[in-house]
Amino acid sequence: MYKVLCLTFSVGFWLLANPSFGQNPPSTKPFVLGLIDAIPSNELGETRALNIYLPDGYSKDSIGKYPVIYLLDGSADEDFIHIAGLVQFANFPWVNLLPKSIVVGIANVDRRRDFTYPTTIEKDKKEYPTTGQSQRFIAFLEKELQPYIQKNYSSNPSRTIIGQSLGGLLATEILFKKPSLFNQYIIVSPSLWWDNESLLAYPPVFAKPDFQQKTTVFVGVGKEGKIMETDANQLVYLLKKYSTKPLEVGFHYFGDENHATIFHLAVYKAFERFKK
């Protein structure tokens, strides 16, 4: 069963200026932003909440089919609201950066568990004992979530994944190991330092001769320290080695942004890049 995802605003000064509010309430109604859905997962052994943004004019019964943007860290108190707003803005005819799209925000339960592969670093094992379960989360995306969205929403084969930090690490892992799960990757400030940067040494599946899916990748990093900046540049270097294949790579350095401020601007820049 769907729930309606709404925004509720309380304006204190308005209430102070209108003491009769309790006696004669104005006509109000919820501001509907999207839907809250849920999917039981055998792969994860739990039910996962989904925040869904549907584009203007969407109808499940329509013959129109929409691209799907899968957003990691997609809880309402994380990145769902501002990214859904950015997608809506990019859909405006006078902006026209994106086709009308569905956004699927995957609400977190334990992001360290879901977004990291097993580490050989004993200190990290002790400090973060739940880590290392990304294989299960990737199986959830592939075997459960994507088929669920395809069955229950009017979607076409275009699939984008957006991830920052540990979410960027997961998006990179999928790109290296199961690149056909998505055809567009937005990877922002990826935590490639995990397990002594071992993912950067993994032989990527997209480098194999039989990989022919056209795939677009955008990588963004800000002023975030030598390790994160160097790793992001190394990732781009590795990707561009294979740019003669059906792999298009874009990169942008956000010198005025840090780990806390980069995400919104980086996603917008990625949309601009994908438009080209």
Protein backbone atom coordinates (compact mmCIF):
# COMPACT_ATOMS: atom_id res chain seq x y z
CA MET A 1 0.00 0.00 0.00
CA TYR A 2 1.32 3.41 -0.93
CA LYS A 3 1.51 6.30 1.50
CA VAL A 4 1.59 9.92 0.47
CA LEU A 5 4.86 11.74 1.15
CA CYS A 6 4.00 15.28 2.22
CA LEU A 7 5.73 18.37 3.49
CA THR A 8 4.22 20.16 6.49
CA PHE A 9 5.27 23.69 7.33
CA SER A 10 4.76 25.49 10.64
CA VAL A 11 5.09 29.24 10.51
CA GLY A 12 5.38 30.50 14.04
CA PHE A 13 5.17 34.19 13.34
CA TRP A 14 2.00 33.68 11.28
CA LEU A 15 0.34 31.96 14.21
CA LEU A 16 1.36 34.77 16.54
CA ALA A 17 -0.08 37.31 14.13
CA ASN A 18 -3.32 35.35 13.78
CA PRO A 19 -4.59 34.48 17.28
CA SER A 20 -7.95 33.41 15.82
CA PHE A 21 -6.26 30.58 13.89
CA GLY A 22 -7.61 27.91 16.25
CA GLN A 23 -11.16 29.20 15.91
CA ASN A 24 -11.26 29.82 12.16
CA PRO A 25 -8.63 27.69 10.49
CA PRO A 26 -7.71 28.65 6.92
CA SER A 27 -8.28 26.23 4.10
CA THR A 28 -5.15 24.07 3.89
CA LYS A 29 -4.17 20.81 2.32
CA PRO A 30 -1.00 18.70 2.21
CA PHE A 31 1.78 19.56 -0.20
CA VAL A 32 2.30 16.19 -1.88
CA LEU A 33 5.87 15.43 -2.92
CA GLY A 34 5.59 11.75 -3.77
CA LEU A 35 4.79 8.29 -2.50
CA ILE A 36 6.21 6.07 0.21
CA ASP A 37 6.37 2.47 -0.97
CA ALA A 38 7.94 -0.60 0.62
CA ILE A 39 9.44 -3.81 -0.67
CA PRO A 40 10.10 -6.97 1.35
CA SER A 41 13.58 -8.27 0.57
CA ASN A 42 14.66 -11.87 0.84
CA GLU A 43 18.20 -10.87 -0.09
CA LEU A 44 18.46 -8.47 2.86
CA GLY A 45 16.05 -10.20 5.22
CA GLU A 46 14.08 -7.01 5.86
CA THR A 47 11.53 -4.67 4.34
CA ARG A 48 12.99 -1.57 2.69
CA ALA A 49 11.23 1.77 2.44
CA LEU A 50 11.20 3.56 -0.91
CA ASN A 51 10.51 7.24 -1.49
CA ILE A 52 9.11 7.69 -4.98
CA TYR A 53 8.91 10.88 -7.03
CA LEU A 54 6.63 10.66 -10.06
CA PRO A 55 6.91 13.26 -12.84
CA ASP A 56 4.16 15.67 -13.78
CA GLY A 57 1.51 13.92 -15.84
CA TYR A 58 2.54 10.44 -14.72
CA SER A 59 -0.08 7.72 -14.98
CA LYS A 60 0.55 4.03 -14.49
CA ASP A 61 -2.03 3.33 -17.20
CA SER A 62 -0.39 5.67 -19.70
CA ILE A 63 1.46 4.29 -22.69
CA GLY A 64 4.34 6.60 -21.76
CA LYS A 65 7.32 4.99 -20.04
CA TYR A 66 9.82 6.89 -17.91
CA PRO A 67 13.53 6.58 -17.07
CA VAL A 68 14.23 5.64 -13.47
CA ILE A 69 16.80 7.33 -11.23
CA TYR A 70 17.84 5.20 -8.26
CA LEU A 71 19.06 7.36 -5.40
CA LEU A 72 21.22 5.90 -2.65
CA ASP A 73 20.86 7.64 0.73
CA GLY A 74 17.28 8.23 -0.39
CA SER A 75 15.61 8.80 2.97
CA ALA A 76 13.41 11.90 3.36
CA ASP A 77 15.90 13.32 5.88
CA GLU A 78 18.86 12.58 3.59
CA ASP A 79 18.97 13.36 -0.14
CA PHE A 80 15.55 12.46 -1.51
CA ILE A 81 13.78 15.82 -1.24
CA HIS A 82 16.47 18.02 -2.79
CA ILE A 83 17.30 15.54 -5.57
CA ALA A 84 13.61 15.05 -6.42
CA GLY A 85 13.32 18.84 -6.61
CA LEU A 86 16.37 19.00 -8.85
CA VAL A 87 14.89 16.39 -11.19
CA GLN A 88 11.63 18.35 -11.35
CA PHE A 89 13.60 21.53 -12.15
CA ALA A 90 15.58 19.73 -14.85
CA ASN A 91 12.27 18.62 -16.40
CA PHE A 92 10.95 22.15 -16.91
CA PRO A 93 10.64 22.82 -20.66
CA TRP A 94 12.72 26.00 -20.37
CA VAL A 95 15.51 24.05 -18.64
CA ASN A 96 15.17 20.71 -20.47
CA LEU A 97 18.15 18.89 -18.99
CA LEU A 98 16.36 15.60 -18.38
CA PRO A 99 13.43 13.68 -19.78
CA LYS A 100 10.63 13.34 -17.26
CA SER A 101 11.87 10.70 -14.84
CA ILE A 102 10.88 8.61 -11.84
CA VAL A 103 13.10 8.95 -8.77
CA VAL A 104 13.39 5.97 -6.42
CA GLY A 105 14.95 6.99 -3.13
CA ILE A 106 16.17 3.93 -1.22
CA ALA A 107 15.88 4.76 2.46
CA ASN A 108 18.80 3.63 4.58
CA VAL A 109 18.85 1.01 7.30
CA ASP A 110 22.62 0.53 7.71
CA ARG A 111 24.59 2.25 4.98
CA ARG A 112 27.97 0.98 6.18
CA ARG A 113 26.63 -2.57 5.90
CA ASP A 114 24.99 -2.09 2.51
CA PHE A 115 27.52 0.11 0.71
CA THR A 116 30.83 -1.60 1.57
CA TYR A 117 32.47 -4.83 0.47
CA PRO A 118 34.52 -6.88 2.99
CA THR A 119 37.67 -5.16 4.19
CA THR A 120 41.02 -6.62 5.16
CA ILE A 121 41.68 -3.75 7.57
CA GLU A 122 41.32 -5.12 11.10
CA LYS A 123 40.75 -1.70 12.63
CA ASP A 124 37.76 -1.07 10.35
CA LYS A 125 36.36 -4.53 11.09
CA LYS A 126 36.40 -3.78 14.81
CA GLU A 127 35.07 -0.21 14.58
CA TYR A 128 32.38 -1.03 12.00
CA PRO A 129 31.40 -4.67 12.60
CA THR A 130 28.37 -4.66 10.29
CA THR A 131 30.31 -3.64 7.18
CA GLY A 132 31.02 -5.75 4.13
CA GLN A 133 27.56 -6.75 2.88
CA SER A 134 27.43 -4.85 -0.43
CA GLN A 135 27.08 -8.10 -2.38
CA ARG A 136 23.70 -8.68 -0.72
CA PHE A 137 22.60 -5.12 -1.40
CA ILE A 138 23.62 -5.37 -5.06
CA ALA A 139 21.63 -8.61 -5.32
CA PHE A 140 18.66 -6.74 -3.80
CA LEU A 141 18.96 -4.06 -6.48
CA GLU A 142 19.28 -6.56 -9.31
CA LYS A 143 16.90 -9.33 -8.32
CA GLU A 144 14.24 -7.52 -6.31
CA LEU A 145 14.15 -3.73 -6.59
CA GLN A 146 14.60 -3.25 -10.33
CA PRO A 147 12.02 -5.94 -11.21
CA TYR A 148 9.62 -4.47 -8.64
CA ILE A 149 9.89 -0.97 -10.13
CA GLN A 150 9.53 -2.34 -13.67
CA LYS A 151 6.38 -4.25 -12.68
CA ASN A 152 4.69 -1.56 -10.59
CA TYR A 153 5.68 1.70 -12.29
CA SER A 154 5.62 2.88 -15.90
CA SER A 155 9.35 2.64 -16.49
CA ASN A 156 11.55 2.20 -19.54
CA PRO A 157 14.97 0.47 -19.66
CA SER A 158 16.94 3.66 -18.82
CA ARG A 159 18.38 3.33 -15.30
CA THR A 160 20.59 5.81 -13.44
CA ILE A 161 22.24 5.34 -10.05
CA ILE A 162 23.36 8.26 -7.89
CA GLY A 163 25.67 7.82 -4.91
CA GLN A 164 27.93 9.98 -2.76
CA SER A 165 30.69 9.01 -0.34
CA LEU A 166 30.04 5.37 0.67
CA GLY A 167 27.17 5.51 -1.83
CA GLY A 168 29.74 6.53 -4.43
CA LEU A 169 31.86 3.55 -3.41
CA LEU A 170 28.90 1.24 -3.97
CA ALA A 171 28.06 2.82 -7.34
CA THR A 172 31.69 2.32 -8.39
CA GLU A 173 31.63 -1.30 -7.23
CA ILE A 174 28.52 -1.93 -9.34
CA LEU A 175 30.15 -0.20 -12.32
CA PHE A 176 33.22 -2.44 -12.01
CA LYS A 177 31.46 -5.72 -11.23
CA LYS A 178 27.93 -5.52 -12.70
CA PRO A 179 27.94 -2.53 -15.05
CA SER A 180 24.85 -3.61 -16.98
CA LEU A 181 22.63 -2.93 -13.94
CA PHE A 182 22.63 0.77 -14.85
CA ASN A 183 23.39 2.71 -18.01
CA GLN A 184 24.14 6.00 -16.25
CA TYR A 185 26.30 6.43 -13.14
CA ILE A 186 26.61 9.60 -11.07
CA ILE A 187 29.48 9.05 -8.64
CA VAL A 188 30.24 11.88 -6.23
CA SER A 189 33.11 11.96 -3.72
CA PRO A 190 33.45 8.16 -3.69
CA SER A 191 35.04 6.60 -0.59
CA LEU A 192 37.53 4.62 -2.64
CA TRP A 193 39.96 4.67 0.29
CA TRP A 194 37.96 1.73 1.69
CA ASP A 195 40.11 -1.42 2.12
CA ASN A 196 43.26 0.39 1.02
CA GLU A 197 41.73 1.33 -2.34
CA SER A 198 41.43 -2.31 -3.38
CA LEU A 199 38.49 -1.63 -5.71
CA LEU A 200 40.73 0.42 -8.01
CA ALA A 201 42.78 -2.75 -8.61
CA TYR A 202 39.74 -4.86 -9.49
CA PRO A 203 39.61 -5.89 -13.19
CA PRO A 204 36.47 -4.13 -14.44
CA VAL A 205 33.82 -6.10 -16.28
CA PHE A 206 33.26 -3.19 -18.67
CA ALA A 207 36.80 -3.76 -19.98
CA LYS A 208 35.87 -7.18 -21.35
CA PRO A 209 35.39 -7.43 -25.13
CA ASP A 210 31.82 -8.71 -24.82
CA PHE A 211 30.59 -5.70 -22.84
CA GLN A 212 28.73 -3.56 -25.37
CA GLN A 213 26.16 -1.60 -23.35
CA LYS A 214 26.42 2.14 -23.89
CA THR A 215 27.18 3.51 -20.43
CA THR A 216 27.71 7.09 -19.25
CA VAL A 217 29.65 7.88 -16.09
CA PHE A 218 30.06 11.19 -14.29
CA VAL A 219 32.54 11.53 -11.44
CA GLY A 220 32.70 14.61 -9.24
CA VAL A 221 34.92 15.51 -6.29
CA GLY A 222 35.49 18.69 -4.33
CA LYS A 223 38.19 20.07 -2.08
CA GLU A 224 38.04 16.99 0.15
CA GLY A 225 41.60 16.09 1.00
CA LYS A 226 44.46 14.49 -0.87
CA ILE A 227 43.29 10.87 -0.56
CA MET A 228 39.74 11.37 -1.80
CA GLU A 229 40.79 13.73 -4.59
CA THR A 230 43.62 11.45 -5.75
CA ASP A 231 41.36 8.39 -5.70
CA ALA A 232 38.67 10.14 -7.73
CA ASN A 233 41.22 11.16 -10.34
CA GLN A 234 42.60 7.62 -10.43
CA LEU A 235 39.09 6.30 -11.03
CA VAL A 236 38.61 8.69 -13.93
CA TYR A 237 42.00 7.69 -15.35
CA LEU A 238 40.99 4.02 -15.27
CA LEU A 239 37.60 4.75 -16.85
CA LYS A 240 39.09 6.83 -19.64
CA LYS A 241 41.41 3.97 -20.57
CA TYR A 242 38.26 2.29 -21.87
CA SER A 243 36.46 5.33 -23.26
CA THR A 244 36.91 3.95 -26.78
CA LYS A 245 34.43 1.25 -25.74
CA PRO A 246 30.74 2.16 -25.27
CA LEU A 247 31.77 4.04 -22.11
CA GLU A 248 31.48 7.83 -21.91
CA VAL A 249 33.23 9.48 -18.97
CA GLY A 250 32.84 12.97 -17.54
CA PHE A 251 34.69 14.51 -14.61
CA HIS A 252 34.44 17.79 -12.73
CA TYR A 253 36.50 19.15 -9.88
CA PHE A 254 34.49 21.42 -7.58
CA GLY A 255 37.24 23.50 -6.03
CA ASP A 256 34.87 25.67 -4.01
CA GLU A 257 32.94 22.76 -2.49
CA ASN A 258 33.66 20.28 0.29
CA HIS A 259 32.25 16.89 1.24
CA ALA A 260 29.19 18.48 2.83
CA THR A 261 28.32 20.94 0.06
CA ILE A 262 29.22 19.23 -3.22
CA PHE A 263 26.35 16.80 -3.81
CA HIS A 264 23.51 18.94 -5.15
CA LEU A 265 25.74 20.92 -7.48
CA ALA A 266 27.51 17.77 -8.69
CA VAL A 267 24.25 16.03 -9.59
CA TYR A 268 23.14 19.11 -11.54
CA LYS A 269 26.48 19.14 -13.38
CA ALA A 270 26.02 15.46 -14.20
CA PHE A 271 22.58 16.19 -15.67
CA GLU A 272 24.18 18.88 -17.82
CA ARG A 273 26.82 16.41 -18.96
CA PHE A 274 24.27 13.74 -19.83
CA LYS A 275 22.38 16.28 -21.93
CA LYS A 276 25.37 16.79 -24.23
